[in-house]
PDB file of N, CA and C in Angstrom:
ATOM      1  N   MET A   1     131.132 -33.655  30.818  1.00  0.00           N
ATOM      2  CA  MET A   1     129.767 -34.094  30.823  1.00  0.00           C
ATOM      3  C   MET A   1     129.491 -34.840  32.129  1.00  0.00           C
ATOM      4  N   VAL A   2     128.371 -34.514  32.771  1.00  0.00           N
ATOM      5  CA  VAL A   2     127.986 -35.141  34.021  1.00  0.00           C
ATOM      6  C   VAL A   2     126.999 -36.263  33.722  1.00  0.00           C
ATOM      7  N   THR A   3     127.281 -37.421  34.282  1.00  0.00           N
ATOM      8  CA  THR A   3     126.362 -38.537  34.076  1.00  0.00           C
ATOM      9  C   THR A   3     125.596 -38.807  35.360  1.00  0.00           C
ATOM     10  N   ALA A   4     124.356 -39.202  35.211  1.00  0.00           N
ATOM     11  CA  ALA A   4     123.518 -39.479  36.371  1.00  0.00           C
ATOM     12  C   ALA A   4     123.898 -40.836  36.950  1.00  0.00           C
ATOM     13  N   LYS A   5     123.873 -40.908  38.282  1.00  0.00           N
ATOM     14  CA  LYS A   5     124.158 -42.179  38.936  1.00  0.00           C
ATOM     15  C   LYS A   5     122.940 -43.084  38.823  1.00  0.00           C
ATOM     16  N   LYS A   6     123.195 -44.358  38.838  1.00  0.00           N
ATOM     17  CA  LYS A   6     122.098 -45.323  38.799  1.00  0.00           C
ATOM     18  C   LYS A   6     121.303 -45.186  40.091  1.00  0.00           C
ATOM     19  N   PRO A   7     119.969 -45.123  40.000  1.00  0.00           N
ATOM     20  CA  PRO A   7     119.168 -44.925  41.204  1.00  0.00           C
ATOM     21  C   PRO A   7     119.306 -46.087  42.181  1.00  0.00           C
ATOM     22  N   VAL A   8     119.344 -45.736  43.445  1.00  0.00           N
ATOM     23  CA  VAL A   8     119.406 -46.713  44.517  1.00  0.00           C
ATOM     24  C   VAL A   8     117.966 -46.987  44.944  1.00  0.00           C
ATOM     25  N   ASN A   9     117.687 -48.174  45.410  1.00  0.00           N
ATOM     26  CA  ASN A   9     116.329 -48.515  45.816  1.00  0.00           C
ATOM     27  C   ASN A   9     116.001 -47.887  47.170  1.00  0.00           C
ATOM     28  N   GLU A  10     115.831 -46.594  47.168  1.00  0.00           N
ATOM     29  CA  GLU A  10     115.460 -45.864  48.380  1.00  0.00           C
ATOM     30  C   GLU A  10     113.987 -45.513  48.296  1.00  0.00           C
ATOM     31  N   GLN A  11     113.311 -45.624  49.436  1.00  0.00           N
ATOM     32  CA  GLN A  11     111.900 -45.265  49.459  1.00  0.00           C
ATOM     33  C   GLN A  11     111.635 -44.371  50.655  1.00  0.00           C
ATOM     34  N   THR A  12     110.793 -43.390  50.436  1.00  0.00           N
ATOM     35  CA  THR A  12     110.374 -42.479  51.488  1.00  0.00           C
ATOM     36  C   THR A  12     109.263 -43.143  52.291  1.00  0.00           C
ATOM     37  N   SER A  13     109.306 -42.960  53.601  1.00  0.00           N
ATOM     38  CA  SER A  13     108.256 -43.538  54.446  1.00  0.00           C
ATOM     39  C   SER A  13     106.912 -42.865  54.166  1.00  0.00           C
ATOM     40  N   LYS A  14     105.846 -43.550  54.551  1.00  0.00           N
ATOM     41  CA  LYS A  14     104.506 -43.021  54.315  1.00  0.00           C
ATOM     42  C   LYS A  14     104.320 -41.691  55.042  1.00  0.00           C
ATOM     43  N   ARG A  15     104.836 -41.569  56.246  1.00  0.00           N
ATOM     44  CA  ARG A  15     104.679 -40.329  57.020  1.00  0.00           C
ATOM     45  C   ARG A  15     105.392 -39.160  56.336  1.00  0.00           C
ATOM     46  N   VAL A  16     106.607 -39.388  55.888  1.00  0.00           N
ATOM     47  CA  VAL A  16     107.355 -38.321  55.217  1.00  0.00           C
ATOM     48  C   VAL A  16     106.666 -37.940  53.909  1.00  0.00           C
ATOM     49  N   ALA A  17     106.152 -38.932  53.188  1.00  0.00           N
ATOM     50  CA  ALA A  17     105.444 -38.648  51.936  1.00  0.00           C
ATOM     51  C   ALA A  17     104.198 -37.812  52.194  1.00  0.00           C
ATOM     52  N   THR A  18     103.484 -38.122  53.275  1.00  0.00           N
ATOM     53  CA  THR A  18     102.285 -37.353  53.625  1.00  0.00           C
ATOM     54  C   THR A  18     102.651 -35.910  53.956  1.00  0.00           C
ATOM     55  N   ASP A  19     103.707 -35.732  54.751  1.00  0.00           N
ATOM     56  CA  ASP A  19     104.147 -34.379  55.102  1.00  0.00           C
ATOM     57  C   ASP A  19     104.621 -33.616  53.864  1.00  0.00           C
ATOM     58  N   ALA A  20     105.320 -34.299  52.969  1.00  0.00           N
ATOM     59  CA  ALA A  20     105.798 -33.656  51.749  1.00  0.00           C
ATOM     60  C   ALA A  20     104.619 -33.209  50.889  1.00  0.00           C
ATOM     61  N   SER A  21     103.593 -34.031  50.823  1.00  0.00           N
ATOM     62  CA  SER A  21     102.399 -33.677  50.046  1.00  0.00           C
ATOM     63  C   SER A  21     101.736 -32.428  50.610  1.00  0.00           C
ATOM     64  N   LYS A  22     101.663 -32.351  51.926  1.00  0.00           N
ATOM     65  CA  LYS A  22     101.061 -31.166  52.570  1.00  0.00           C
ATOM     66  C   LYS A  22     101.878 -29.918  52.266  1.00  0.00           C
ATOM     67  N   LEU A  23     103.208 -30.045  52.283  1.00  0.00           N
ATOM     68  CA  LEU A  23     104.065 -28.896  51.995  1.00  0.00           C
ATOM     69  C   LEU A  23     103.904 -28.427  50.549  1.00  0.00           C
ATOM     70  N   LEU A  24     103.752 -29.375  49.637  1.00  0.00           N
ATOM     71  CA  LEU A  24     103.573 -28.996  48.223  1.00  0.00           C
ATOM     72  C   LEU A  24     102.259 -28.264  48.000  1.00  0.00           C
ATOM     73  N   ARG A  25     101.234 -28.608  48.766  1.00  0.00           N
ATOM     74  CA  ARG A  25      99.926 -27.973  48.598  1.00  0.00           C
ATOM     75  C   ARG A  25      99.819 -26.649  49.344  1.00  0.00           C
ATOM     76  N   ASP A  26     100.761 -26.375  50.253  1.00  0.00           N
ATOM     77  CA  ASP A  26     100.716 -25.146  51.039  1.00  0.00           C
ATOM     78  C   ASP A  26     101.227 -23.975  50.206  1.00  0.00           C
ATOM     79  N   PRO A  27     100.382 -22.988  49.940  1.00  0.00           N
ATOM     80  CA  PRO A  27     100.828 -21.857  49.116  1.00  0.00           C
ATOM     81  C   PRO A  27     101.912 -21.004  49.788  1.00  0.00           C
ATOM     82  N   LYS A  28     102.089 -21.148  51.084  1.00  0.00           N
ATOM     83  CA  LYS A  28     103.104 -20.371  51.804  1.00  0.00           C
ATOM     84  C   LYS A  28     104.481 -21.031  51.788  1.00  0.00           C
ATOM     85  N   SER A  29     104.574 -22.266  51.298  1.00  0.00           N
ATOM     86  CA  SER A  29     105.861 -22.970  51.239  1.00  0.00           C
ATOM     87  C   SER A  29     106.769 -22.314  50.202  1.00  0.00           C
ATOM     88  N   SER A  30     108.041 -22.201  50.551  1.00  0.00           N
ATOM     89  CA  SER A  30     109.005 -21.602  49.625  1.00  0.00           C
ATOM     90  C   SER A  30     109.339 -22.580  48.506  1.00  0.00           C
ATOM     91  N   ALA A  31     109.963 -22.071  47.475  1.00  0.00           N
ATOM     92  CA  ALA A  31     110.346 -22.907  46.339  1.00  0.00           C
ATOM     93  C   ALA A  31     111.343 -23.977  46.779  1.00  0.00           C
ATOM     94  N   ALA A  32     112.261 -23.641  47.679  1.00  0.00           N
ATOM     95  CA  ALA A  32     113.250 -24.606  48.151  1.00  0.00           C
ATOM     96  C   ALA A  32     112.576 -25.749  48.904  1.00  0.00           C
ATOM     97  N   VAL A  33     111.592 -25.424  49.725  1.00  0.00           N
ATOM     98  CA  VAL A  33     110.862 -26.447  50.475  1.00  0.00           C
ATOM     99  C   VAL A  33     110.119 -27.354  49.509  1.00  0.00           C
ATOM    100  N   LYS A  34     109.522 -26.769  48.482  1.00  0.00           N
ATOM    101  CA  LYS A  34     108.774 -27.560  47.510  1.00  0.00           C
ATOM    102  C   LYS A  34     109.695 -28.467  46.700  1.00  0.00           C
ATOM    103  N   ARG A  35     110.916 -28.021  46.411  1.00  0.00           N
ATOM    104  CA  ARG A  35     111.869 -28.870  45.700  1.00  0.00           C
ATOM    105  C   ARG A  35     112.224 -30.101  46.533  1.00  0.00           C
ATOM    106  N   VAL A  36     112.481 -29.897  47.819  1.00  0.00           N
ATOM    107  CA  VAL A  36     112.832 -31.009  48.701  1.00  0.00           C
ATOM    108  C   VAL A  36     111.645 -31.953  48.862  1.00  0.00           C
ATOM    109  N   ALA A  37     110.456 -31.398  49.021  1.00  0.00           N
ATOM    110  CA  ALA A  37     109.258 -32.225  49.173  1.00  0.00           C
ATOM    111  C   ALA A  37     109.005 -33.033  47.898  1.00  0.00           C
ATOM    112  N   GLY A  38     109.183 -32.426  46.756  1.00  0.00           N
ATOM    113  CA  GLY A  38     109.011 -33.139  45.495  1.00  0.00           C
ATOM    114  C   GLY A  38     110.026 -34.251  45.335  1.00  0.00           C
ATOM    115  N   SER A  39     111.242 -33.995  45.771  1.00  0.00           N
ATOM    116  CA  SER A  39     112.273 -35.017  45.710  1.00  0.00           C
ATOM    117  C   SER A  39     111.907 -36.206  46.600  1.00  0.00           C
ATOM    118  N   ALA A  40     111.364 -35.931  47.759  1.00  0.00           N
ATOM    119  CA  ALA A  40     110.956 -37.008  48.666  1.00  0.00           C
ATOM    120  C   ALA A  40     109.838 -37.830  48.038  1.00  0.00           C
ATOM    121  N   LEU A  41     108.917 -37.175  47.347  1.00  0.00           N
ATOM    122  CA  LEU A  41     107.794 -37.907  46.747  1.00  0.00           C
ATOM    123  C   LEU A  41     108.225 -38.760  45.557  1.00  0.00           C
ATOM    124  N   THR A  42     109.292 -38.393  44.896  1.00  0.00           N
ATOM    125  CA  THR A  42     109.746 -39.203  43.767  1.00  0.00           C
ATOM    126  C   THR A  42     110.342 -40.522  44.250  1.00  0.00           C
ATOM    127  N   GLN A  43     110.625 -40.618  45.530  1.00  0.00           N
ATOM    128  CA  GLN A  43     111.212 -41.833  46.086  1.00  0.00           C
ATOM    129  C   GLN A  43     110.185 -42.707  46.791  1.00  0.00           C
ATOM    130  N   THR A  44     108.903 -42.411  46.646  1.00  0.00           N
ATOM    131  CA  THR A  44     107.879 -43.239  47.276  1.00  0.00           C
ATOM    132  C   THR A  44     107.603 -44.464  46.420  1.00  0.00           C
ATOM    133  N   ALA A  45     107.115 -45.495  47.059  1.00  0.00           N
ATOM    134  CA  ALA A  45     106.779 -46.718  46.343  1.00  0.00           C
ATOM    135  C   ALA A  45     105.589 -46.479  45.420  1.00  0.00           C
ATOM    136  N   ASN A  46     105.617 -47.079  44.262  1.00  0.00           N
ATOM    137  CA  ASN A  46     104.490 -46.951  43.328  1.00  0.00           C
ATOM    138  C   ASN A  46     103.367 -47.860  43.789  1.00  0.00           C
ATOM    139  N   LYS A  47     102.153 -47.306  43.810  1.00  0.00           N
ATOM    140  CA  LYS A  47     100.986 -48.104  44.175  1.00  0.00           C
ATOM    141  C   LYS A  47     100.537 -48.893  42.948  1.00  0.00           C
ATOM    142  N   PRO A  48     100.150 -50.151  43.139  1.00  0.00           N
ATOM    143  CA  PRO A  48      99.645 -50.911  41.997  1.00  0.00           C
ATOM    144  C   PRO A  48      98.317 -50.313  41.507  1.00  0.00           C
ATOM    145  N   LYS A  49      98.128 -50.313  40.204  1.00  0.00           N
ATOM    146  CA  LYS A  49      96.914 -49.749  39.627  1.00  0.00           C
ATOM    147  C   LYS A  49      95.748 -50.716  39.825  1.00  0.00           C
ATOM    148  N   LYS A  50      94.590 -50.166  40.152  1.00  0.00           N
ATOM    149  CA  LYS A  50      93.393 -50.985  40.292  1.00  0.00           C
ATOM    150  C   LYS A  50      92.777 -51.203  38.923  1.00  0.00           C
ATOM    151  N   LYS A  51      92.231 -52.381  38.728  1.00  0.00           N
ATOM    152  CA  LYS A  51      91.596 -52.683  37.445  1.00  0.00           C
ATOM    153  C   LYS A  51      90.115 -52.500  37.515  1.00  0.00           C
TER     154      LYS A  51
END
């Protein structure tokens, strides 16, 4: 059985997150590119919710 490692406090920079978002929206991006871009976005800082 494989156990998941405890997440490290890694965050993607704003520029990389922006580029990853563009790649996810591009219909010409391959599935592999979209997987990497999605992984980068999961490491972005959470924005506080506005009330």
